[in-house]
C-alpha cells in the first residue's frame, strides 16, 4: 500500500478551508494549476474523489469530509509544534493546557489552577472553557492535558480517560440583602415562591437540587436557568433571584458579588473532577492542582460531605 503524501494532504486541507483553489493558491503563494495537480495526485493515490463540483462551486465530498477531520487534527498539532519552536520565550517552560467546563465555578477554578503557576519549574498556562463533551474530545487527541469538570467523564463517550475526584462541597443559598428583606423567614422555607436562579440542565447539580426542592415541598419561582456559573452569579448580584454556590466559595462569592449566605443545603453536594488520560498523576503541575484541592479549596470534602448525607 502506498504511503500518504502529507504535502498533498496539506494542499487538500488548505483548499477545503479556503473554499476554492484560487484562494488557497493565493495564501500558499502557488499557482492554482500546481495545487490542482497535487490534489489530483492525492485523489489518485487514495482512489477517492475529495471534491465535487456544484456548478462553479467546489464542495468537499463525503469521503473528503471524513479525511478533513483527521487533517484538521494533524496540521493543527503541527502548527502548534512550530509555534513552540519559534517562541523563544517559552522554550524553558512546560505547557499546561487545561479545559474547564463552563459549569465549574470560576472562583474554584482559579484557586485550583493558580498553584501550578507558583512551581519552581515555570509553566505556560492555557485555559479553555466550554462544554464538557467538546473539552473531552480535545483531551482525547492530546490538545488538552487536563479537564476540570463537575462530573466524571460520561461512560457513553469512547474516550480513554481517568476520573480523579478533587473534592466536594455542600451548597450555600445566597441572595442580596434587599432580596432577603423581601423574603424573610427561615431557610429553606423562605425560598417557596421566591425568585430563584437555577443551574442549567447541563450542570451536575440541576437534577439533585430539583429533587431536593420536591422532597422539601418547596416550589421556588425559577426565573432563569444558567449553564455558566459566573453569569448566574452576575444575575444574583443584580438581585434577580436567590441562587446556590459551593459552600467552599462562600467568602469569595459574598465579597465579590455583594450577597449574603442565608442557608446551607447539606444533602446536595457539588463535586469537581480532574479528568486526564493517565491513571496516575505524575506531572508536577497537575499534582499541584490536586493537592490544592485537598488542602486549600475543599479541605477534607469527601469525609465531610458523606457525613452530611448520612445525617440526612
C-alpha atoms as a PDB file:
ATOM      1  CA  UNK A   1       0.000   0.000   0.000  1.00  0.00           C
ATOM      2  CA  UNK A   2       1.388   3.431  -0.971  1.00  0.00           C
ATOM      3  CA  UNK A   3       2.269   5.805   1.861  1.00  0.00           C
ATOM      4  CA  UNK A   4       0.311   9.016   2.336  1.00  0.00           C
ATOM      5  CA  UNK A   5       1.862  12.137   0.836  1.00  0.00           C
ATOM      6  CA  UNK A   6       1.392  14.729   3.593  1.00  0.00           C
ATOM      7  CA  UNK A   7       2.326  17.591   1.272  1.00  0.00           C
ATOM      8  CA  UNK A   8      -0.603  16.678  -0.981  1.00  0.00           C
ATOM      9  CA  UNK A   9      -2.825  16.278   2.087  1.00  0.00           C
ATOM     10  CA  UNK A  10      -1.914  19.765   3.301  1.00  0.00           C
ATOM     11  CA  UNK A  11      -2.904  21.261  -0.051  1.00  0.00           C
ATOM     12  CA  UNK A  12      -6.262  19.467   0.163  1.00  0.00           C
ATOM     13  CA  UNK A  13      -6.685  20.829   3.702  1.00  0.00           C
ATOM     14  CA  UNK A  14      -5.846  24.345   2.561  1.00  0.00           C
ATOM     15  CA  UNK A  15      -8.362  24.245  -0.319  1.00  0.00           C
ATOM     16  CA  UNK A  16     -11.112  22.804   1.886  1.00  0.00           C
ATOM     17  CA  UNK A  17     -10.585  25.567   4.444  1.00  0.00           C
ATOM     18  CA  UNK A  18     -10.286  28.354   1.868  1.00  0.00           C
ATOM     19  CA  UNK A  19     -13.313  27.207  -0.122  1.00  0.00           C
ATOM     20  CA  UNK A  20     -11.610  27.409  -3.501  1.00  0.00           C
ATOM     21  CA  UNK A  21      -8.352  26.517  -5.233  1.00  0.00           C
ATOM     22  CA  UNK A  22      -7.744  30.160  -6.182  1.00  0.00           C
ATOM     23  CA  UNK A  23      -7.937  31.436  -2.598  1.00  0.00           C
ATOM     24  CA  UNK A  24      -5.774  28.567  -1.318  1.00  0.00           C
ATOM     25  CA  UNK A  25      -3.205  29.246  -4.048  1.00  0.00           C
ATOM     26  CA  UNK A  26      -3.031  32.885  -3.025  1.00  0.00           C
ATOM     27  CA  UNK A  27      -2.425  32.046   0.655  1.00  0.00           C
ATOM     28  CA  UNK A  28       0.196  29.396  -0.212  1.00  0.00           C
ATOM     29  CA  UNK A  29       1.908  31.592  -2.840  1.00  0.00           C
ATOM     30  CA  UNK A  30       1.463  28.915  -5.518  1.00  0.00           C
ATOM     31  CA  UNK A  31      -0.324  28.773  -8.846  1.00  0.00           C
ATOM     32  CA  UNK A  32      -3.831  27.264  -8.959  1.00  0.00           C
ATOM     33  CA  UNK A  33      -2.553  24.724 -11.521  1.00  0.00           C
ATOM     34  CA  UNK A  34       0.148  23.499  -9.118  1.00  0.00           C
ATOM     35  CA  UNK A  35      -2.359  22.947  -6.303  1.00  0.00           C
ATOM     36  CA  UNK A  36      -4.922  21.329  -8.618  1.00  0.00           C
ATOM     37  CA  UNK A  37      -2.359  18.808  -9.866  1.00  0.00           C
ATOM     38  CA  UNK A  38      -1.293  17.965  -6.298  1.00  0.00           C
ATOM     39  CA  UNK A  39      -4.900  17.286  -5.267  1.00  0.00           C
ATOM     40  CA  UNK A  40      -5.450  15.170  -8.373  1.00  0.00           C
ATOM     41  CA  UNK A  41      -2.404  13.124  -7.403  1.00  0.00           C
ATOM     42  CA  UNK A  42      -3.766  12.708  -3.865  1.00  0.00           C
ATOM     43  CA  UNK A  43      -7.161  11.541  -5.151  1.00  0.00           C
ATOM     44  CA  UNK A  44      -5.433   9.047  -7.440  1.00  0.00           C
ATOM     45  CA  UNK A  45      -3.338   7.617  -4.592  1.00  0.00           C
ATOM     46  CA  UNK A  46      -6.398   7.318  -2.318  1.00  0.00           C
ATOM     47  CA  UNK A  47      -8.728   6.062  -5.025  1.00  0.00           C
ATOM     48  CA  UNK A  48     -11.444   8.502  -3.964  1.00  0.00           C
ATOM     49  CA  UNK A  49     -12.817  11.890  -5.012  1.00  0.00           C
ATOM     50  CA  UNK A  50     -12.232  14.533  -2.360  1.00  0.00           C
ATOM     51  CA  UNK A  51     -14.160  17.352  -4.027  1.00  0.00           C
ATOM     52  CA  UNK A  52     -17.353  17.617  -6.057  1.00  0.00           C
ATOM     53  CA  UNK A  53     -18.455  20.293  -8.499  1.00  0.00           C
ATOM     54  CA  UNK A  54     -21.783  22.044  -7.898  1.00  0.00           C
ATOM     55  CA  UNK A  55     -21.955  24.425 -10.832  1.00  0.00           C
ATOM     56  CA  UNK A  56     -18.927  26.662 -10.422  1.00  0.00           C
ATOM     57  CA  UNK A  57     -18.593  25.876  -6.733  1.00  0.00           C
ATOM     58  CA  UNK A  58     -16.169  23.305  -5.334  1.00  0.00           C
ATOM     59  CA  UNK A  59     -17.515  21.353  -2.354  1.00  0.00           C
ATOM     60  CA  UNK A  60     -15.909  18.685  -0.181  1.00  0.00           C
ATOM     61  CA  UNK A  61     -17.248  15.178  -0.868  1.00  0.00           C
ATOM     62  CA  UNK A  62     -18.456  12.843   1.888  1.00  0.00           C
ATOM     63  CA  UNK A  63     -15.139  10.984   1.795  1.00  0.00           C
ATOM     64  CA  UNK A  64     -13.326  14.314   1.776  1.00  0.00           C
ATOM     65  CA  UNK A  65     -15.188  15.440   4.910  1.00  0.00           C
ATOM     66  CA  UNK A  66     -14.073  12.349   6.799  1.00  0.00           C
ATOM     67  CA  UNK A  67     -10.468  12.866   5.727  1.00  0.00           C
ATOM     68  CA  UNK A  68     -10.692  16.582   6.512  1.00  0.00           C
ATOM     69  CA  UNK A  69     -11.481  15.859  10.182  1.00  0.00           C
ATOM     70  CA  UNK A  70      -8.205  13.974  10.543  1.00  0.00           C
ATOM     71  CA  UNK A  71      -6.295  16.540   8.502  1.00  0.00           C
ATOM     72  CA  UNK A  72      -7.508  19.275  10.872  1.00  0.00           C
ATOM     73  CA  UNK A  73      -6.021  17.390  13.812  1.00  0.00           C
ATOM     74  CA  UNK A  74      -2.740  16.607  12.022  1.00  0.00           C
ATOM     75  CA  UNK A  75      -1.987  20.120  10.828  1.00  0.00           C
ATOM     76  CA  UNK A  76      -3.342  21.953  13.871  1.00  0.00           C
ATOM     77  CA  UNK A  77      -0.951  19.966  16.048  1.00  0.00           C
ATOM     78  CA  UNK A  78       1.821  20.555  13.541  1.00  0.00           C
ATOM     79  CA  UNK A  79       1.250  24.310  13.679  1.00  0.00           C
ATOM     80  CA  UNK A  80       1.357  24.181  17.479  1.00  0.00           C
ATOM     81  CA  UNK A  81       4.749  22.445  17.298  1.00  0.00           C
ATOM     82  CA  UNK A  82       6.055  25.212  15.031  1.00  0.00           C
ATOM     83  CA  UNK A  83       4.717  27.839  17.441  1.00  0.00           C
ATOM     84  CA  UNK A  84       6.527  26.170  20.335  1.00  0.00           C
ATOM     85  CA  UNK A  85       9.820  26.001  18.439  1.00  0.00           C
ATOM     86  CA  UNK A  86       9.516  29.556  17.188  1.00  0.00           C
ATOM     87  CA  UNK A  87       8.616  31.097  20.554  1.00  0.00           C
ATOM     88  CA  UNK A  88      11.979  31.609  22.285  1.00  0.00           C
ATOM     89  CA  UNK A  89      10.306  32.963  25.431  1.00  0.00           C
ATOM     90  CA  UNK A  90       8.670  29.608  26.226  1.00  0.00           C
ATOM     91  CA  UNK A  91      11.433  27.138  25.407  1.00  0.00           C
ATOM     92  CA  UNK A  92      12.244  26.719  29.100  1.00  0.00           C
ATOM     93  CA  UNK A  93       8.618  26.411  30.198  1.00  0.00           C
ATOM     94  CA  UNK A  94       6.333  23.419  30.225  1.00  0.00           C
ATOM     95  CA  UNK A  95       2.942  23.921  28.545  1.00  0.00           C
ATOM     96  CA  UNK A  96      -0.089  23.204  30.722  1.00  0.00           C
ATOM     97  CA  UNK A  97      -3.329  23.098  28.745  1.00  0.00           C
ATOM     98  CA  UNK A  98      -6.446  22.904  30.891  1.00  0.00           C
ATOM     99  CA  UNK A  99     -10.068  22.684  29.839  1.00  0.00           C
ATOM    100  CA  UNK A 100     -12.610  23.999  32.333  1.00  0.00           C
ATOM    101  CA  UNK A 101     -16.256  23.037  31.901  1.00  0.00           C
ATOM    102  CA  UNK A 102     -18.469  26.117  31.784  1.00  0.00           C
ATOM    103  CA  UNK A 103     -20.479  24.818  34.756  1.00  0.00           C
ATOM    104  CA  UNK A 104     -17.434  24.900  37.073  1.00  0.00           C
ATOM    105  CA  UNK A 105     -17.456  27.916  39.440  1.00  0.00           C
ATOM    106  CA  UNK A 106     -14.780  30.320  38.269  1.00  0.00           C
ATOM    107  CA  UNK A 107     -13.655  31.133  41.807  1.00  0.00           C
ATOM    108  CA  UNK A 108     -12.967  27.457  42.443  1.00  0.00           C
ATOM    109  CA  UNK A 109     -11.224  27.033  39.080  1.00  0.00           C
ATOM    110  CA  UNK A 110      -8.830  29.883  39.868  1.00  0.00           C
ATOM    111  CA  UNK A 111      -8.000  28.555  43.328  1.00  0.00           C
ATOM    112  CA  UNK A 112      -7.355  25.100  41.887  1.00  0.00           C
ATOM    113  CA  UNK A 113      -5.187  26.146  38.968  1.00  0.00           C
ATOM    114  CA  UNK A 114      -3.156  29.033  40.418  1.00  0.00           C
ATOM    115  CA  UNK A 115      -0.763  26.830  42.492  1.00  0.00           C
ATOM    116  CA  UNK A 116       0.543  25.342  39.233  1.00  0.00           C
ATOM    117  CA  UNK A 117       1.881  28.810  38.363  1.00  0.00           C
ATOM    118  CA  UNK A 118       3.900  29.016  41.596  1.00  0.00           C
ATOM    119  CA  UNK A 119       6.103  25.986  40.947  1.00  0.00           C
ATOM    120  CA  UNK A 120       9.898  26.300  40.737  1.00  0.00           C
ATOM    121  CA  UNK A 121       9.758  24.971  37.179  1.00  0.00           C
ATOM    122  CA  UNK A 122       7.647  27.517  35.257  1.00  0.00           C
ATOM    123  CA  UNK A 123       4.666  26.509  33.146  1.00  0.00           C
ATOM    124  CA  UNK A 124       2.859  28.289  30.359  1.00  0.00           C
ATOM    125  CA  UNK A 125      -0.830  28.004  31.169  1.00  0.00           C
ATOM    126  CA  UNK A 126      -3.557  27.813  28.547  1.00  0.00           C
ATOM    127  CA  UNK A 127      -7.144  27.642  29.792  1.00  0.00           C
ATOM    128  CA  UNK A 128     -10.086  26.832  27.568  1.00  0.00           C
ATOM    129  CA  UNK A 129     -13.696  26.977  28.705  1.00  0.00           C
ATOM    130  CA  UNK A 130     -16.545  25.120  27.053  1.00  0.00           C
ATOM    131  CA  UNK A 131     -18.963  22.239  27.116  1.00  0.00           C
ATOM    132  CA  UNK A 132     -17.649  19.052  28.664  1.00  0.00           C
ATOM    133  CA  UNK A 133     -18.096  16.912  25.519  1.00  0.00           C
ATOM    134  CA  UNK A 134     -16.056  19.365  23.454  1.00  0.00           C
ATOM    135  CA  UNK A 135     -13.280  19.557  26.031  1.00  0.00           C
ATOM    136  CA  UNK A 136     -13.088  15.770  26.327  1.00  0.00           C
ATOM    137  CA  UNK A 137     -12.735  15.498  22.552  1.00  0.00           C
ATOM    138  CA  UNK A 138      -9.710  17.805  22.755  1.00  0.00           C
ATOM    139  CA  UNK A 139      -8.346  15.750  25.650  1.00  0.00           C
ATOM    140  CA  UNK A 140      -8.640  12.575  23.562  1.00  0.00           C
ATOM    141  CA  UNK A 141      -6.373  13.998  20.836  1.00  0.00           C
ATOM    142  CA  UNK A 142      -3.981  15.487  23.418  1.00  0.00           C
ATOM    143  CA  UNK A 143      -4.826  19.110  22.736  1.00  0.00           C
ATOM    144  CA  UNK A 144      -5.560  19.354  26.470  1.00  0.00           C
ATOM    145  CA  UNK A 145      -3.626  17.873  29.381  1.00  0.00           C
ATOM    146  CA  UNK A 146      -6.448  18.066  31.910  1.00  0.00           C
ATOM    147  CA  UNK A 147     -10.165  18.775  32.076  1.00  0.00           C
ATOM    148  CA  UNK A 148     -11.798  20.099  35.251  1.00  0.00           C
ATOM    149  CA  UNK A 149     -15.498  19.264  35.402  1.00  0.00           C
ATOM    150  CA  UNK A 150     -18.395  18.978  37.831  1.00  0.00           C
ATOM    151  CA  UNK A 151     -18.976  15.327  36.931  1.00  0.00           C
ATOM    152  CA  UNK A 152     -16.931  12.293  35.927  1.00  0.00           C
ATOM    153  CA  UNK A 153     -16.403  11.515  32.269  1.00  0.00           C
ATOM    154  CA  UNK A 154     -19.656  10.120  30.785  1.00  0.00           C
ATOM    155  CA  UNK A 155     -19.473   6.373  30.110  1.00  0.00           C
ATOM    156  CA  UNK A 156     -21.108   6.867  26.693  1.00  0.00           C
ATOM    157  CA  UNK A 157     -18.023   8.638  25.352  1.00  0.00           C
ATOM    158  CA  UNK A 158     -15.416   6.466  23.667  1.00  0.00           C
ATOM    159  CA  UNK A 159     -12.543   8.418  25.203  1.00  0.00           C
ATOM    160  CA  UNK A 160      -9.753   6.776  27.180  1.00  0.00           C
ATOM    161  CA  UNK A 161      -9.622   8.808  30.349  1.00  0.00           C
ATOM    162  CA  UNK A 162      -9.444   8.636  34.119  1.00  0.00           C
ATOM    163  CA  UNK A 163     -11.529  10.491  36.708  1.00  0.00           C
ATOM    164  CA  UNK A 164      -9.715  11.932  39.740  1.00  0.00           C
ATOM    165  CA  UNK A 165     -12.039  13.328  42.429  1.00  0.00           C
ATOM    166  CA  UNK A 166     -10.681  16.706  43.522  1.00  0.00           C
ATOM    167  CA  UNK A 167     -13.253  17.326  46.233  1.00  0.00           C
ATOM    168  CA  UNK A 168     -16.849  18.078  47.027  1.00  0.00           C
ATOM    169  CA  UNK A 169     -18.786  20.705  48.897  1.00  0.00           C
ATOM    170  CA  UNK A 170     -22.369  21.205  50.107  1.00  0.00           C
ATOM    171  CA  UNK A 171     -24.293  24.140  48.668  1.00  0.00           C
ATOM    172  CA  UNK A 172     -24.980  27.524  50.222  1.00  0.00           C
ATOM    173  CA  UNK A 173     -28.085  29.545  49.389  1.00  0.00           C
ATOM    174  CA  UNK A 174     -27.246  33.186  48.677  1.00  0.00           C
ATOM    175  CA  UNK A 175     -29.033  36.416  47.839  1.00  0.00           C
ATOM    176  CA  UNK A 176     -28.766  40.181  48.074  1.00  0.00           C
ATOM    177  CA  UNK A 177     -29.781  41.923  51.328  1.00  0.00           C
ATOM    178  CA  UNK A 178     -32.740  43.561  49.557  1.00  0.00           C
ATOM    179  CA  UNK A 179     -33.970  40.216  48.245  1.00  0.00           C
ATOM    180  CA  UNK A 180     -33.588  38.667  51.679  1.00  0.00           C
ATOM    181  CA  UNK A 181     -35.596  41.506  53.219  1.00  0.00           C
ATOM    182  CA  UNK A 182     -38.381  40.900  50.700  1.00  0.00           C
ATOM    183  CA  UNK A 183     -38.449  37.176  51.582  1.00  0.00           C
ATOM    184  CA  UNK A 184     -37.891  36.865  55.353  1.00  0.00           C
ATOM    185  CA  UNK A 185     -38.139  33.710  57.414  1.00  0.00           C
ATOM    186  CA  UNK A 186     -36.014  30.642  57.894  1.00  0.00           C
ATOM    187  CA  UNK A 187     -34.258  28.964  55.001  1.00  0.00           C
ATOM    188  CA  UNK A 188     -35.310  26.953  53.043  1.00  0.00           C
ATOM    189  CA  UNK A 189     -38.955  27.893  53.704  1.00  0.00           C
ATOM    190  CA  UNK A 190     -38.261  31.462  52.572  1.00  0.00           C
ATOM    191  CA  UNK A 191     -37.476  30.129  49.095  1.00  0.00           C
ATOM    192  CA  UNK A 192     -41.040  28.965  48.498  1.00  0.00           C
ATOM    193  CA  UNK A 193     -42.421  31.065  45.615  1.00  0.00           C
ATOM    194  CA  UNK A 194     -39.317  33.257  45.792  1.00  0.00           C
ATOM    195  CA  UNK A 195     -37.382  34.124  42.609  1.00  0.00           C
ATOM    196  CA  UNK A 196     -34.598  31.616  42.048  1.00  0.00           C
ATOM    197  CA  UNK A 197     -31.731  31.291  39.571  1.00  0.00           C
ATOM    198  CA  UNK A 198     -31.397  27.610  38.695  1.00  0.00           C
ATOM    199  CA  UNK A 199     -28.241  25.895  37.452  1.00  0.00           C
ATOM    200  CA  UNK A 200     -28.895  24.671  33.897  1.00  0.00           C
ATOM    201  CA  UNK A 201     -29.822  21.145  32.907  1.00  0.00           C
ATOM    202  CA  UNK A 202     -26.268  20.512  31.714  1.00  0.00           C
ATOM    203  CA  UNK A 203     -24.879  21.029  35.223  1.00  0.00           C
ATOM    204  CA  UNK A 204     -24.436  18.063  37.541  1.00  0.00           C
ATOM    205  CA  UNK A 205     -26.396  19.621  40.427  1.00  0.00           C
ATOM    206  CA  UNK A 206     -29.531  20.517  38.430  1.00  0.00           C
ATOM    207  CA  UNK A 207     -31.339  17.201  38.945  1.00  0.00           C
ATOM    208  CA  UNK A 208     -30.424  16.588  42.627  1.00  0.00           C
ATOM    209  CA  UNK A 209     -31.278  20.197  43.525  1.00  0.00           C
ATOM    210  CA  UNK A 210     -34.683  19.892  41.840  1.00  0.00           C
ATOM    211  CA  UNK A 211     -35.307  16.613  43.682  1.00  0.00           C
ATOM    212  CA  UNK A 212     -34.306  18.222  46.982  1.00  0.00           C
ATOM    213  CA  UNK A 213     -36.804  21.051  46.492  1.00  0.00           C
ATOM    214  CA  UNK A 214     -39.516  18.492  45.710  1.00  0.00           C
ATOM    215  CA  UNK A 215     -38.647  16.497  48.826  1.00  0.00           C
ATOM    216  CA  UNK A 216     -38.865  19.622  50.985  1.00  0.00           C
ATOM    217  CA  UNK A 217     -42.195  20.611  49.446  1.00  0.00           C
ATOM    218  CA  UNK A 218     -40.701  23.901  48.322  1.00  0.00           C
ATOM    219  CA  UNK A 219     -41.537  25.471  44.962  1.00  0.00           C
ATOM    220  CA  UNK A 220     -39.195  28.342  44.171  1.00  0.00           C
ATOM    221  CA  UNK A 221     -40.169  30.505  41.231  1.00  0.00           C
ATOM    222  CA  UNK A 222     -37.427  29.745  38.710  1.00  0.00           C
ATOM    223  CA  UNK A 223     -36.922  32.955  36.741  1.00  0.00           C
ATOM    224  CA  UNK A 224     -33.861  31.827  34.776  1.00  0.00           C
ATOM    225  CA  UNK A 225     -31.506  28.887  34.215  1.00  0.00           C
ATOM    226  CA  UNK A 226     -27.785  29.145  33.511  1.00  0.00           C
ATOM    227  CA  UNK A 227     -25.112  26.691  32.402  1.00  0.00           C
ATOM    228  CA  UNK A 228     -22.437  29.317  33.070  1.00  0.00           C
ATOM    229  CA  UNK A 229     -21.904  29.744  36.828  1.00  0.00           C
ATOM    230  CA  UNK A 230     -20.336  33.222  36.516  1.00  0.00           C
ATOM    231  CA  UNK A 231     -23.311  34.537  34.549  1.00  0.00           C
ATOM    232  CA  UNK A 232     -25.692  33.062  37.117  1.00  0.00           C
ATOM    233  CA  UNK A 233     -23.882  34.915  39.920  1.00  0.00           C
ATOM    234  CA  UNK A 234     -23.933  38.167  37.939  1.00  0.00           C
ATOM    235  CA  UNK A 235     -27.732  37.957  37.816  1.00  0.00           C
ATOM    236  CA  UNK A 236     -27.718  37.072  41.516  1.00  0.00           C
ATOM    237  CA  UNK A 237     -25.637  40.171  42.230  1.00  0.00           C
ATOM    238  CA  UNK A 238     -28.318  42.247  40.486  1.00  0.00           C
ATOM    239  CA  UNK A 239     -30.948  40.833  42.850  1.00  0.00           C
ATOM    240  CA  UNK A 240     -32.856  38.920  40.184  1.00  0.00           C
ATOM    241  CA  UNK A 241     -33.147  35.867  42.417  1.00  0.00           C
ATOM    242  CA  UNK A 242     -31.634  33.641  45.078  1.00  0.00           C
ATOM    243  CA  UNK A 243     -29.015  31.136  43.937  1.00  0.00           C
ATOM    244  CA  UNK A 244     -26.721  28.393  45.216  1.00  0.00           C
ATOM    245  CA  UNK A 245     -22.938  28.095  45.180  1.00  0.00           C
ATOM    246  CA  UNK A 246     -20.467  25.669  46.764  1.00  0.00           C
ATOM    247  CA  UNK A 247     -20.022  26.457  50.455  1.00  0.00           C
ATOM    248  CA  UNK A 248     -16.267  26.257  49.900  1.00  0.00           C
ATOM    249  CA  UNK A 249     -16.540  29.558  47.981  1.00  0.00           C
ATOM    250  CA  UNK A 250     -18.685  31.464  50.498  1.00  0.00           C
ATOM    251  CA  UNK A 251     -16.131  34.148  51.382  1.00  0.00           C
ATOM    252  CA  UNK A 252     -15.221  34.849  47.767  1.00  0.00           C
ATOM    253  CA  UNK A 253     -18.773  34.887  46.374  1.00  0.00           C
ATOM    254  CA  UNK A 254     -20.158  37.075  49.162  1.00  0.00           C
ATOM    255  CA  UNK A 255     -17.311  39.563  48.858  1.00  0.00           C
ATOM    256  CA  UNK A 256     -17.240  39.620  45.064  1.00  0.00           C
ATOM    257  CA  UNK A 257     -20.980  39.774  44.391  1.00  0.00           C
ATOM    258  CA  UNK A 258     -22.333  41.614  47.434  1.00  0.00           C
ATOM    259  CA  UNK A 259     -24.619  38.804  48.606  1.00  0.00           C
ATOM    260  CA  UNK A 260     -25.204  37.039  51.917  1.00  0.00           C
ATOM    261  CA  UNK A 261     -25.440  33.370  52.824  1.00  0.00           C
ATOM    262  CA  UNK A 262     -28.955  32.639  54.060  1.00  0.00           C
ATOM    263  CA  UNK A 263     -28.711  28.878  54.477  1.00  0.00           C
ATOM    264  CA  UNK A 264     -26.921  25.675  53.543  1.00  0.00           C
ATOM    265  CA  UNK A 265     -28.097  22.543  51.714  1.00  0.00           C
ATOM    266  CA  UNK A 266     -26.035  19.629  53.036  1.00  0.00           C
ATOM    267  CA  UNK A 267     -27.974  16.999  51.103  1.00  0.00           C
ATOM    268  CA  UNK A 268     -26.875  18.304  47.681  1.00  0.00           C
ATOM    269  CA  UNK A 269     -23.157  18.187  47.027  1.00  0.00           C
ATOM    270  CA  UNK A 270     -21.189  19.736  44.179  1.00  0.00           C
ATOM    271  CA  UNK A 271     -18.233  17.613  43.102  1.00  0.00           C
ATOM    272  CA  UNK A 272     -15.247  18.517  40.972  1.00  0.00           C
ATOM    273  CA  UNK A 273     -13.145  16.086  38.977  1.00  0.00           C
ATOM    274  CA  UNK A 274      -9.821  16.259  37.200  1.00  0.00           C
ATOM    275  CA  UNK A 275     -10.088  14.141  34.050  1.00  0.00           C
ATOM    276  CA  UNK A 276      -6.816  13.037  32.454  1.00  0.00           C
ATOM    277  CA  UNK A 277      -5.555  10.418  30.038  1.00  0.00           C
ATOM    278  CA  UNK A 278      -3.260   8.991  32.699  1.00  0.00           C
ATOM    279  CA  UNK A 279      -4.370   6.737  35.545  1.00  0.00           C
ATOM    280  CA  UNK A 280      -1.726   8.059  37.938  1.00  0.00           C
ATOM    281  CA  UNK A 281      -0.994  11.745  38.215  1.00  0.00           C
ATOM    282  CA  UNK A 282       2.708  12.304  37.522  1.00  0.00           C
ATOM    283  CA  UNK A 283       3.130  15.844  36.152  1.00  0.00           C
ATOM    284  CA  UNK A 284       4.151  18.272  38.919  1.00  0.00           C
ATOM    285  CA  UNK A 285       1.713  20.972  37.761  1.00  0.00           C
ATOM    286  CA  UNK A 286      -1.269  18.598  37.807  1.00  0.00           C
ATOM    287  CA  UNK A 287      -0.204  17.183  41.180  1.00  0.00           C
ATOM    288  CA  UNK A 288      -0.099  20.773  42.492  1.00  0.00           C
ATOM    289  CA  UNK A 289      -3.710  21.249  41.376  1.00  0.00           C
ATOM    290  CA  UNK A 290      -4.783  18.016  43.079  1.00  0.00           C
ATOM    291  CA  UNK A 291      -3.002  18.981  46.301  1.00  0.00           C
ATOM    292  CA  UNK A 292      -4.523  22.478  46.252  1.00  0.00           C
ATOM    293  CA  UNK A 293      -7.974  20.931  46.024  1.00  0.00           C
ATOM    294  CA  UNK A 294      -7.329  18.779  49.075  1.00  0.00           C
ATOM    295  CA  UNK A 295      -5.568  21.339  51.257  1.00  0.00           C
ATOM    296  CA  UNK A 296      -6.698  24.824  50.187  1.00  0.00           C
ATOM    297  CA  UNK A 297     -10.082  24.577  48.468  1.00  0.00           C
ATOM    298  CA  UNK A 298     -12.064  21.695  49.907  1.00  0.00           C
ATOM    299  CA  UNK A 299     -10.048  20.580  52.934  1.00  0.00           C
ATOM    300  CA  UNK A 300     -11.429  17.102  53.624  1.00  0.00           C
ATOM    301  CA  UNK A 301     -14.562  17.390  51.454  1.00  0.00           C
ATOM    302  CA  UNK A 302     -15.160  13.698  50.845  1.00  0.00           C
ATOM    303  CA  UNK A 303     -15.419  12.885  54.541  1.00  0.00           C
ATOM    304  CA  UNK A 304     -17.495  15.957  55.365  1.00  0.00           C
ATOM    305  CA  UNK A 305     -19.967  15.544  52.519  1.00  0.00           C
ATOM    306  CA  UNK A 306     -20.509  11.827  53.136  1.00  0.00           C
ATOM    307  CA  UNK A 307     -21.155  12.526  56.802  1.00  0.00           C
ATOM    308  CA  UNK A 308     -23.695  15.199  55.850  1.00  0.00           C
ATOM    309  CA  UNK A 309     -25.532  12.765  53.592  1.00  0.00           C
ATOM    310  CA  UNK A 310     -25.614  10.122  56.334  1.00  0.00           C
ATOM    311  CA  UNK A 311     -27.218  12.638  58.716  1.00  0.00           C
ATOM    312  CA  UNK A 312     -29.989  13.126  56.151  1.00  0.00           C
END
